[in-house]
Amino acid sequence: MSRLTRSFSYALNGLSICVVKGANFRIHLLCGTIAVIAGFVCNISPNEWMVVLLCIGFVLCMEMLNTAIEQLCDIVHKEIHPGIKLTKDIAAGAVLVSAVVAAICGAFVFLPKLLSFIHSN
């Protein structure tokens, strides 16, 4: 197996672990799927697609990084430790920030279309 093939294999394995074992990852994936469906229903522009897809990718990447940090912390220090808790809390906070920013961007993209639909009926 070539080095590139192995790299992709490792990356796909990491992704599948997050999908199978990560409840929060699946929630973010569901929200991203809903946003993509809404994008098709609302016929959003190419620029709006870029915003939506970048936000989805950013949140999913942050959730994966958070999971990796948590796994590493659990290996390094199995007992409860204030420094490990702080590290995990900061990583979780990063996911929260990314999700809030994504929701705000989603509101900028989808709220005008929703309001236009409501006012036209």
N, C-alpha and C. Protein backbone atom coordinates (compact mmCIF):
# COMPACT_ATOMS: atom_id res chain seq x y z
N MET A 1 0.86 -1.18 0.00
CA MET A 1 0.00 0.00 0.00
C MET A 1 0.91 1.24 0.00
N SER A 2 0.61 2.19 -0.87
CA SER A 2 1.45 3.38 -0.96
C SER A 2 1.24 4.27 0.27
N ARG A 3 2.17 5.15 0.47
CA ARG A 3 2.12 6.07 1.61
C ARG A 3 0.87 6.94 1.55
N LEU A 4 0.53 7.43 0.35
CA LEU A 4 -0.67 8.26 0.18
C LEU A 4 -1.93 7.47 0.48
N THR A 5 -1.99 6.25 0.01
CA THR A 5 -3.16 5.39 0.26
C THR A 5 -3.31 5.13 1.75
N ARG A 6 -2.20 4.85 2.43
CA ARG A 6 -2.25 4.64 3.88
C ARG A 6 -2.75 5.90 4.59
N SER A 7 -2.27 7.05 4.16
CA SER A 7 -2.70 8.31 4.79
C SER A 7 -4.20 8.50 4.67
N PHE A 8 -4.73 8.26 3.47
CA PHE A 8 -6.18 8.37 3.28
C PHE A 8 -6.91 7.33 4.11
N SER A 9 -6.36 6.13 4.20
CA SER A 9 -6.97 5.07 4.99
C SER A 9 -7.05 5.47 6.46
N TYR A 10 -5.98 6.04 7.00
CA TYR A 10 -5.98 6.49 8.39
C TYR A 10 -7.00 7.61 8.60
N ALA A 11 -7.06 8.54 7.65
CA ALA A 11 -8.00 9.66 7.76
C ALA A 11 -9.44 9.17 7.71
N LEU A 12 -9.74 8.26 6.80
CA LEU A 12 -11.09 7.71 6.71
C LEU A 12 -11.45 6.91 7.95
N ASN A 13 -10.46 6.21 8.53
CA ASN A 13 -10.69 5.49 9.77
C ASN A 13 -11.05 6.47 10.89
N GLY A 14 -10.33 7.57 10.99
CA GLY A 14 -10.63 8.58 12.00
C GLY A 14 -12.02 9.17 11.82
N LEU A 15 -12.37 9.44 10.58
CA LEU A 15 -13.70 9.97 10.29
C LEU A 15 -14.78 8.96 10.67
N SER A 16 -14.58 7.70 10.32
CA SER A 16 -15.59 6.69 10.64
C SER A 16 -15.72 6.49 12.14
N ILE A 17 -14.63 6.60 12.87
CA ILE A 17 -14.69 6.50 14.34
C ILE A 17 -15.57 7.62 14.89
N CYS A 18 -15.39 8.83 14.38
CA CYS A 18 -16.20 9.96 14.85
C CYS A 18 -17.67 9.76 14.52
N VAL A 19 -17.96 9.23 13.34
CA VAL A 19 -19.36 9.01 12.94
C VAL A 19 -19.99 7.93 13.81
N VAL A 20 -19.27 6.83 14.02
CA VAL A 20 -19.83 5.69 14.75
C VAL A 20 -19.91 5.95 16.26
N LYS A 21 -18.85 6.52 16.82
CA LYS A 21 -18.77 6.64 18.28
C LYS A 21 -19.07 8.03 18.82
N GLY A 22 -19.12 9.03 17.95
CA GLY A 22 -19.28 10.40 18.42
C GLY A 22 -20.70 10.91 18.32
N ALA A 23 -21.42 10.89 19.44
CA ALA A 23 -22.81 11.37 19.44
C ALA A 23 -22.86 12.84 19.03
N ASN A 24 -21.97 13.65 19.57
CA ASN A 24 -21.97 15.07 19.22
C ASN A 24 -21.63 15.27 17.74
N PHE A 25 -20.71 14.47 17.22
CA PHE A 25 -20.36 14.57 15.80
C PHE A 25 -21.59 14.27 14.95
N ARG A 26 -22.34 13.24 15.32
CA ARG A 26 -23.53 12.89 14.56
C ARG A 26 -24.58 14.00 14.62
N ILE A 27 -24.69 14.68 15.76
CA ILE A 27 -25.62 15.81 15.87
C ILE A 27 -25.20 16.92 14.92
N HIS A 28 -23.90 17.24 14.89
CA HIS A 28 -23.41 18.28 13.98
C HIS A 28 -23.58 17.85 12.53
N LEU A 29 -23.37 16.58 12.26
CA LEU A 29 -23.55 16.05 10.91
C LEU A 29 -25.01 16.16 10.48
N LEU A 30 -25.93 15.88 11.39
CA LEU A 30 -27.36 16.01 11.11
C LEU A 30 -27.71 17.47 10.81
N CYS A 31 -27.20 18.38 11.63
CA CYS A 31 -27.46 19.81 11.40
C CYS A 31 -26.89 20.25 10.06
N GLY A 32 -25.72 19.77 9.72
CA GLY A 32 -25.12 20.09 8.42
C GLY A 32 -25.96 19.55 7.28
N THR A 33 -26.47 18.34 7.43
CA THR A 33 -27.32 17.74 6.41
C THR A 33 -28.59 18.55 6.23
N ILE A 34 -29.18 18.99 7.32
CA ILE A 34 -30.38 19.83 7.26
C ILE A 34 -30.06 21.15 6.54
N ALA A 35 -28.89 21.72 6.82
CA ALA A 35 -28.50 22.96 6.16
C ALA A 35 -28.32 22.75 4.66
N VAL A 36 -27.76 21.63 4.26
CA VAL A 36 -27.59 21.33 2.83
C VAL A 36 -28.95 21.16 2.16
N ILE A 37 -29.85 20.44 2.80
CA ILE A 37 -31.20 20.26 2.25
C ILE A 37 -31.89 21.62 2.13
N ALA A 38 -31.77 22.44 3.17
CA ALA A 38 -32.35 23.79 3.14
C ALA A 38 -31.74 24.62 2.02
N GLY A 39 -30.45 24.44 1.77
CA GLY A 39 -29.80 25.15 0.68
C GLY A 39 -30.40 24.81 -0.67
N PHE A 40 -30.69 23.52 -0.89
CA PHE A 40 -31.32 23.11 -2.14
C PHE A 40 -32.75 23.63 -2.23
N VAL A 41 -33.49 23.53 -1.12
CA VAL A 41 -34.88 23.99 -1.11
C VAL A 41 -34.95 25.50 -1.36
N CYS A 42 -34.04 26.24 -0.75
CA CYS A 42 -34.05 27.71 -0.87
C CYS A 42 -33.30 28.22 -2.10
N ASN A 43 -32.68 27.29 -2.84
CA ASN A 43 -31.93 27.67 -4.04
C ASN A 43 -30.91 28.78 -3.74
N ILE A 44 -30.05 28.53 -2.77
CA ILE A 44 -29.09 29.55 -2.37
C ILE A 44 -28.03 29.74 -3.46
N SER A 45 -27.41 30.91 -3.43
CA SER A 45 -26.42 31.29 -4.44
C SER A 45 -25.10 30.54 -4.22
N PRO A 46 -24.22 30.55 -5.22
CA PRO A 46 -22.90 29.92 -5.04
C PRO A 46 -22.12 30.50 -3.85
N ASN A 47 -22.18 31.80 -3.65
CA ASN A 47 -21.50 32.40 -2.49
C ASN A 47 -22.11 31.93 -1.18
N GLU A 48 -23.42 31.81 -1.15
CA GLU A 48 -24.08 31.31 0.05
C GLU A 48 -23.71 29.84 0.29
N TRP A 49 -23.59 29.06 -0.78
CA TRP A 49 -23.15 27.67 -0.64
C TRP A 49 -21.76 27.61 -0.02
N MET A 50 -20.88 28.51 -0.46
CA MET A 50 -19.53 28.52 0.11
C MET A 50 -19.58 28.77 1.61
N VAL A 51 -20.39 29.73 2.04
CA VAL A 51 -20.51 30.03 3.47
C VAL A 51 -21.05 28.82 4.22
N VAL A 52 -22.13 28.25 3.70
CA VAL A 52 -22.77 27.11 4.38
C VAL A 52 -21.80 25.92 4.48
N LEU A 53 -21.16 25.58 3.37
CA LEU A 53 -20.27 24.41 3.37
C LEU A 53 -19.02 24.64 4.21
N LEU A 54 -18.48 25.85 4.18
CA LEU A 54 -17.32 26.15 5.03
C LEU A 54 -17.70 26.07 6.51
N CYS A 55 -18.87 26.54 6.85
CA CYS A 55 -19.32 26.46 8.25
C CYS A 55 -19.52 25.01 8.69
N ILE A 56 -20.14 24.22 7.83
CA ILE A 56 -20.34 22.80 8.16
C ILE A 56 -18.99 22.12 8.35
N GLY A 57 -18.08 22.33 7.42
CA GLY A 57 -16.75 21.72 7.51
C GLY A 57 -16.00 22.17 8.74
N PHE A 58 -16.11 23.46 9.07
CA PHE A 58 -15.42 24.02 10.23
C PHE A 58 -15.93 23.38 11.52
N VAL A 59 -17.24 23.29 11.66
CA VAL A 59 -17.81 22.71 12.89
C VAL A 59 -17.44 21.24 13.01
N LEU A 60 -17.53 20.48 11.90
CA LEU A 60 -17.18 19.06 11.96
C LEU A 60 -15.71 18.87 12.29
N CYS A 61 -14.85 19.70 11.70
CA CYS A 61 -13.41 19.62 12.01
C CYS A 61 -13.15 19.96 13.48
N MET A 62 -13.81 20.97 13.99
CA MET A 62 -13.61 21.33 15.40
C MET A 62 -14.07 20.20 16.32
N GLU A 63 -15.19 19.55 15.96
CA GLU A 63 -15.67 18.43 16.78
C GLU A 63 -14.68 17.28 16.74
N MET A 64 -14.09 17.02 15.58
CA MET A 64 -13.09 15.95 15.47
C MET A 64 -11.84 16.29 16.28
N LEU A 65 -11.40 17.53 16.21
CA LEU A 65 -10.23 17.95 17.00
C LEU A 65 -10.53 17.85 18.50
N ASN A 66 -11.73 18.24 18.89
CA ASN A 66 -12.12 18.12 20.29
C ASN A 66 -12.09 16.66 20.74
N THR A 67 -12.61 15.79 19.91
CA THR A 67 -12.60 14.36 20.23
C THR A 67 -11.17 13.84 20.35
N ALA A 68 -10.31 14.24 19.43
CA ALA A 68 -8.91 13.81 19.48
C ALA A 68 -8.22 14.30 20.75
N ILE A 69 -8.47 15.55 21.11
CA ILE A 69 -7.87 16.11 22.33
C ILE A 69 -8.37 15.35 23.55
N GLU A 70 -9.68 15.07 23.60
CA GLU A 70 -10.24 14.32 24.73
C GLU A 70 -9.62 12.93 24.82
N GLN A 71 -9.49 12.25 23.70
CA GLN A 71 -8.90 10.91 23.69
C GLN A 71 -7.46 10.95 24.19
N LEU A 72 -6.69 11.91 23.71
CA LEU A 72 -5.30 12.04 24.13
C LEU A 72 -5.20 12.34 25.62
N CYS A 73 -6.05 13.24 26.09
CA CYS A 73 -6.04 13.57 27.52
C CYS A 73 -6.36 12.36 28.38
N ASP A 74 -7.31 11.54 27.92
CA ASP A 74 -7.68 10.34 28.67
C ASP A 74 -6.54 9.32 28.72
N ILE A 75 -5.73 9.29 27.67
CA ILE A 75 -4.58 8.39 27.66
C ILE A 75 -3.47 8.91 28.56
N VAL A 76 -3.22 10.21 28.49
CA VAL A 76 -2.12 10.81 29.25
C VAL A 76 -2.38 10.78 30.75
N HIS A 77 -3.63 11.05 31.13
CA HIS A 77 -3.94 11.15 32.56
C HIS A 77 -5.32 10.58 32.80
N LYS A 78 -5.39 9.34 33.26
CA LYS A 78 -6.67 8.64 33.42
C LYS A 78 -7.49 9.18 34.60
N GLU A 79 -6.84 9.65 35.63
CA GLU A 79 -7.56 10.17 36.79
C GLU A 79 -8.02 11.60 36.50
N ILE A 80 -8.96 12.06 37.33
CA ILE A 80 -9.42 13.44 37.20
C ILE A 80 -8.25 14.36 37.56
N HIS A 81 -8.01 15.33 36.69
CA HIS A 81 -6.89 16.25 36.88
C HIS A 81 -7.35 17.65 36.43
N PRO A 82 -7.11 18.67 37.25
CA PRO A 82 -7.59 20.02 36.89
C PRO A 82 -7.05 20.53 35.55
N GLY A 83 -5.82 20.22 35.24
CA GLY A 83 -5.24 20.66 33.97
C GLY A 83 -5.87 19.98 32.78
N ILE A 84 -6.16 18.68 32.94
CA ILE A 84 -6.81 17.93 31.87
C ILE A 84 -8.24 18.44 31.68
N LYS A 85 -8.94 18.69 32.79
CA LYS A 85 -10.30 19.24 32.70
C LYS A 85 -10.29 20.57 31.97
N LEU A 86 -9.34 21.42 32.31
CA LEU A 86 -9.23 22.73 31.66
C LEU A 86 -9.01 22.57 30.15
N THR A 87 -8.12 21.67 29.78
CA THR A 87 -7.84 21.41 28.37
C THR A 87 -9.09 20.93 27.63
N LYS A 88 -9.80 19.98 28.24
CA LYS A 88 -11.02 19.46 27.61
C LYS A 88 -12.09 20.54 27.51
N ASP A 89 -12.23 21.35 28.55
CA ASP A 89 -13.23 22.42 28.54
C ASP A 89 -12.93 23.45 27.45
N ILE A 90 -11.67 23.79 27.29
CA ILE A 90 -11.29 24.76 26.26
C ILE A 90 -11.59 24.19 24.87
N ALA A 91 -11.26 22.93 24.65
CA ALA A 91 -11.53 22.30 23.36
C ALA A 91 -13.04 22.25 23.09
N ALA A 92 -13.82 21.93 24.11
CA ALA A 92 -15.28 21.92 23.96
C ALA A 92 -15.80 23.33 23.68
N GLY A 93 -15.20 24.31 24.33
CA GLY A 93 -15.58 25.70 24.08
C GLY A 93 -15.31 26.11 22.64
N ALA A 94 -14.23 25.61 22.07
CA ALA A 94 -13.92 25.91 20.66
C ALA A 94 -15.01 25.35 19.74
N VAL A 95 -15.52 24.17 20.06
CA VAL A 95 -16.61 23.60 19.27
C VAL A 95 -17.84 24.48 19.40
N LEU A 96 -18.13 24.92 20.62
CA LEU A 96 -19.29 25.77 20.85
C LEU A 96 -19.18 27.06 20.05
N VAL A 97 -18.02 27.70 20.08
CA VAL A 97 -17.82 28.94 19.31
C VAL A 97 -18.06 28.69 17.83
N SER A 98 -17.50 27.60 17.30
CA SER A 98 -17.66 27.31 15.87
C SER A 98 -19.13 27.06 15.54
N ALA A 99 -19.85 26.38 16.40
CA ALA A 99 -21.27 26.10 16.15
C ALA A 99 -22.11 27.36 16.21
N VAL A 100 -21.80 28.24 17.16
CA VAL A 100 -22.55 29.51 17.27
C VAL A 100 -22.29 30.38 16.04
N VAL A 101 -21.04 30.48 15.63
CA VAL A 101 -20.71 31.26 14.43
C VAL A 101 -21.40 30.66 13.20
N ALA A 102 -21.41 29.34 13.10
CA ALA A 102 -22.09 28.68 11.98
C ALA A 102 -23.58 28.97 11.99
N ALA A 103 -24.18 28.97 13.17
CA ALA A 103 -25.61 29.27 13.28
C ALA A 103 -25.90 30.72 12.87
N ILE A 104 -25.02 31.63 13.25
CA ILE A 104 -25.19 33.04 12.87
C ILE A 104 -25.06 33.18 11.35
N CYS A 105 -24.07 32.54 10.77
CA CYS A 105 -23.91 32.57 9.31
C CYS A 105 -25.13 31.96 8.63
N GLY A 106 -25.62 30.86 9.18
CA GLY A 106 -26.83 30.23 8.64
C GLY A 106 -28.02 31.16 8.70
N ALA A 107 -28.12 31.92 9.77
CA ALA A 107 -29.22 32.90 9.89
C ALA A 107 -29.10 33.96 8.80
N PHE A 108 -27.89 34.44 8.53
CA PHE A 108 -27.69 35.43 7.47
C PHE A 108 -28.09 34.87 6.10
N VAL A 109 -27.84 33.59 5.88
CA VAL A 109 -28.15 32.98 4.59
C VAL A 109 -29.64 32.65 4.48
N PHE A 110 -30.21 32.03 5.52
CA PHE A 110 -31.54 31.46 5.40
C PHE A 110 -32.68 32.35 5.90
N LEU A 111 -32.45 33.21 6.87
CA LEU A 111 -33.55 34.04 7.39
C LEU A 111 -34.16 34.95 6.34
N PRO A 112 -33.37 35.63 5.51
CA PRO A 112 -34.01 36.47 4.47
C PRO A 112 -34.91 35.65 3.53
N LYS A 113 -34.49 34.44 3.22
CA LYS A 113 -35.28 33.59 2.33
C LYS A 113 -36.56 33.13 3.04
N LEU A 114 -36.45 32.82 4.30
CA LEU A 114 -37.63 32.42 5.08
C LEU A 114 -38.60 33.58 5.22
N LEU A 115 -38.08 34.76 5.54
CA LEU A 115 -38.94 35.94 5.67
C LEU A 115 -39.61 36.29 4.35
N SER A 116 -38.87 36.17 3.26
CA SER A 116 -39.43 36.44 1.94
C SER A 116 -40.57 35.45 1.63
N PHE A 117 -40.36 34.19 1.98
CA PHE A 117 -41.38 33.18 1.77
C PHE A 117 -42.63 33.47 2.60
N ILE A 118 -42.42 33.87 3.85
CA ILE A 118 -43.55 34.17 4.74
C ILE A 118 -44.35 35.37 4.22
N HIS A 119 -43.65 36.41 3.79
CA HIS A 119 -44.32 37.63 3.32
C HIS A 119 -44.99 37.44 1.97
N SER A 120 -44.54 36.48 1.17
CA SER A 120 -45.14 36.25 -0.14
C SER A 120 -46.43 35.43 -0.04
N ASN A 121 -46.67 34.81 1.11
CA ASN A 121 -47.89 33.98 1.29
C ASN A 121 -48.92 34.67 2.10
